[in-house]
């Protein structure tokens, strides 16, 4: 498990790890333990909507269009 002591909401370092709230994202070796400065920051983090977690058809369309573009990868 990886650990981060930078609060993702405030971007401040968390130093009192024994008393700091945290969440664990993921499982096993790929899991990450994220510490927060405050319980409110942890709640705000958990309530945040994930960007791109909905319908990805628009993004997939962009990638499909680029794959069909003869200039993809060109520096000209």
C-alpha atoms as a PDB file:
ATOM      1  CA  UNK A   1       0.000   0.000   0.000  1.00  0.00           C
ATOM      2  CA  UNK A   2       1.222   3.459  -0.878  1.00  0.00           C
ATOM      3  CA  UNK A   3       0.699   6.409   1.467  1.00  0.00           C
ATOM      4  CA  UNK A   4       0.350  10.114   0.806  1.00  0.00           C
ATOM      5  CA  UNK A   5       0.537  12.697   3.558  1.00  0.00           C
ATOM      6  CA  UNK A   6      -0.404  15.633   1.331  1.00  0.00           C
ATOM      7  CA  UNK A   7      -4.036  16.555   1.900  1.00  0.00           C
ATOM      8  CA  UNK A   8      -5.493  16.589  -1.654  1.00  0.00           C
ATOM      9  CA  UNK A   9      -8.009  19.278  -0.704  1.00  0.00           C
ATOM     10  CA  UNK A  10      -5.661  21.827   0.885  1.00  0.00           C
ATOM     11  CA  UNK A  11      -2.362  20.575  -0.598  1.00  0.00           C
ATOM     12  CA  UNK A  12      -0.805  20.951   2.862  1.00  0.00           C
ATOM     13  CA  UNK A  13       1.387  18.300   4.450  1.00  0.00           C
ATOM     14  CA  UNK A  14      -0.301  16.322   7.222  1.00  0.00           C
ATOM     15  CA  UNK A  15       2.096  15.732  10.109  1.00  0.00           C
ATOM     16  CA  UNK A  16      -0.033  14.247  12.929  1.00  0.00           C
ATOM     17  CA  UNK A  17      -0.730  10.920  11.201  1.00  0.00           C
ATOM     18  CA  UNK A  18      -1.850   9.211  14.417  1.00  0.00           C
ATOM     19  CA  UNK A  19      -4.846  11.563  14.673  1.00  0.00           C
ATOM     20  CA  UNK A  20      -5.446  12.546  11.058  1.00  0.00           C
ATOM     21  CA  UNK A  21      -8.489  11.249   9.167  1.00  0.00           C
ATOM     22  CA  UNK A  22      -7.765   9.193   6.070  1.00  0.00           C
ATOM     23  CA  UNK A  23      -9.307   7.087   3.311  1.00  0.00           C
ATOM     24  CA  UNK A  24      -7.951   4.053   1.531  1.00  0.00           C
ATOM     25  CA  UNK A  25      -8.531   4.011  -2.228  1.00  0.00           C
ATOM     26  CA  UNK A  26      -8.084   0.729  -4.069  1.00  0.00           C
ATOM     27  CA  UNK A  27      -7.028  -2.667  -2.852  1.00  0.00           C
ATOM     28  CA  UNK A  28      -3.885  -4.679  -2.243  1.00  0.00           C
ATOM     29  CA  UNK A  29      -0.491  -3.424  -3.402  1.00  0.00           C
ATOM     30  CA  UNK A  30      -2.147  -0.803  -5.617  1.00  0.00           C
ATOM     31  CA  UNK A  31      -4.100   0.768  -2.736  1.00  0.00           C
ATOM     32  CA  UNK A  32      -3.272   4.254  -1.528  1.00  0.00           C
ATOM     33  CA  UNK A  33      -3.859   5.663   1.954  1.00  0.00           C
ATOM     34  CA  UNK A  34      -4.663   9.371   1.764  1.00  0.00           C
ATOM     35  CA  UNK A  35      -4.373  11.515   4.881  1.00  0.00           C
ATOM     36  CA  UNK A  36      -6.361  14.721   5.463  1.00  0.00           C
ATOM     37  CA  UNK A  37      -5.840  17.759   7.671  1.00  0.00           C
ATOM     38  CA  UNK A  38      -9.437  17.691   8.842  1.00  0.00           C
ATOM     39  CA  UNK A  39     -12.537  15.537   8.825  1.00  0.00           C
ATOM     40  CA  UNK A  40     -14.255  18.200   6.696  1.00  0.00           C
ATOM     41  CA  UNK A  41     -11.583  17.864   4.006  1.00  0.00           C
ATOM     42  CA  UNK A  42     -12.069  14.085   4.046  1.00  0.00           C
ATOM     43  CA  UNK A  43     -15.852  14.476   3.696  1.00  0.00           C
ATOM     44  CA  UNK A  44     -15.432  17.006   0.875  1.00  0.00           C
ATOM     45  CA  UNK A  45     -13.068  14.607  -0.904  1.00  0.00           C
ATOM     46  CA  UNK A  46     -15.492  11.697  -0.600  1.00  0.00           C
ATOM     47  CA  UNK A  47     -18.403  13.824  -1.870  1.00  0.00           C
ATOM     48  CA  UNK A  48     -16.486  15.079  -4.906  1.00  0.00           C
ATOM     49  CA  UNK A  49     -17.868  13.842  -8.226  1.00  0.00           C
ATOM     50  CA  UNK A  50     -15.266  12.003 -10.260  1.00  0.00           C
ATOM     51  CA  UNK A  51     -14.433  13.788 -13.482  1.00  0.00           C
ATOM     52  CA  UNK A  52     -15.135  11.593 -16.471  1.00  0.00           C
ATOM     53  CA  UNK A  53     -16.894   8.909 -14.479  1.00  0.00           C
ATOM     54  CA  UNK A  54     -20.032   9.235 -16.597  1.00  0.00           C
ATOM     55  CA  UNK A  55     -20.570   8.674 -20.295  1.00  0.00           C
ATOM     56  CA  UNK A  56     -17.248   8.723 -22.147  1.00  0.00           C
ATOM     57  CA  UNK A  57     -18.699   8.607 -25.678  1.00  0.00           C
ATOM     58  CA  UNK A  58     -17.560  12.175 -26.413  1.00  0.00           C
ATOM     59  CA  UNK A  59     -13.996  11.457 -25.363  1.00  0.00           C
ATOM     60  CA  UNK A  60     -13.988   8.167 -27.259  1.00  0.00           C
ATOM     61  CA  UNK A  61     -15.196  10.057 -30.336  1.00  0.00           C
ATOM     62  CA  UNK A  62     -12.221  12.417 -30.114  1.00  0.00           C
ATOM     63  CA  UNK A  63      -9.775   9.508 -29.939  1.00  0.00           C
ATOM     64  CA  UNK A  64     -11.515   7.751 -32.855  1.00  0.00           C
ATOM     65  CA  UNK A  65     -11.338  10.915 -34.965  1.00  0.00           C
ATOM     66  CA  UNK A  66      -7.627  11.336 -34.230  1.00  0.00           C
ATOM     67  CA  UNK A  67      -6.944   7.686 -35.066  1.00  0.00           C
ATOM     68  CA  UNK A  68      -8.520   8.246 -38.515  1.00  0.00           C
ATOM     69  CA  UNK A  69      -6.691  11.547 -39.073  1.00  0.00           C
ATOM     70  CA  UNK A  70      -3.774  11.205 -41.555  1.00  0.00           C
ATOM     71  CA  UNK A  71      -1.889  13.981 -39.707  1.00  0.00           C
ATOM     72  CA  UNK A  72      -1.889  12.245 -36.315  1.00  0.00           C
ATOM     73  CA  UNK A  73       1.643  12.192 -35.020  1.00  0.00           C
ATOM     74  CA  UNK A  74       2.843  14.638 -37.643  1.00  0.00           C
ATOM     75  CA  UNK A  75       5.030  17.559 -36.617  1.00  0.00           C
ATOM     76  CA  UNK A  76       4.142  19.498 -39.796  1.00  0.00           C
END
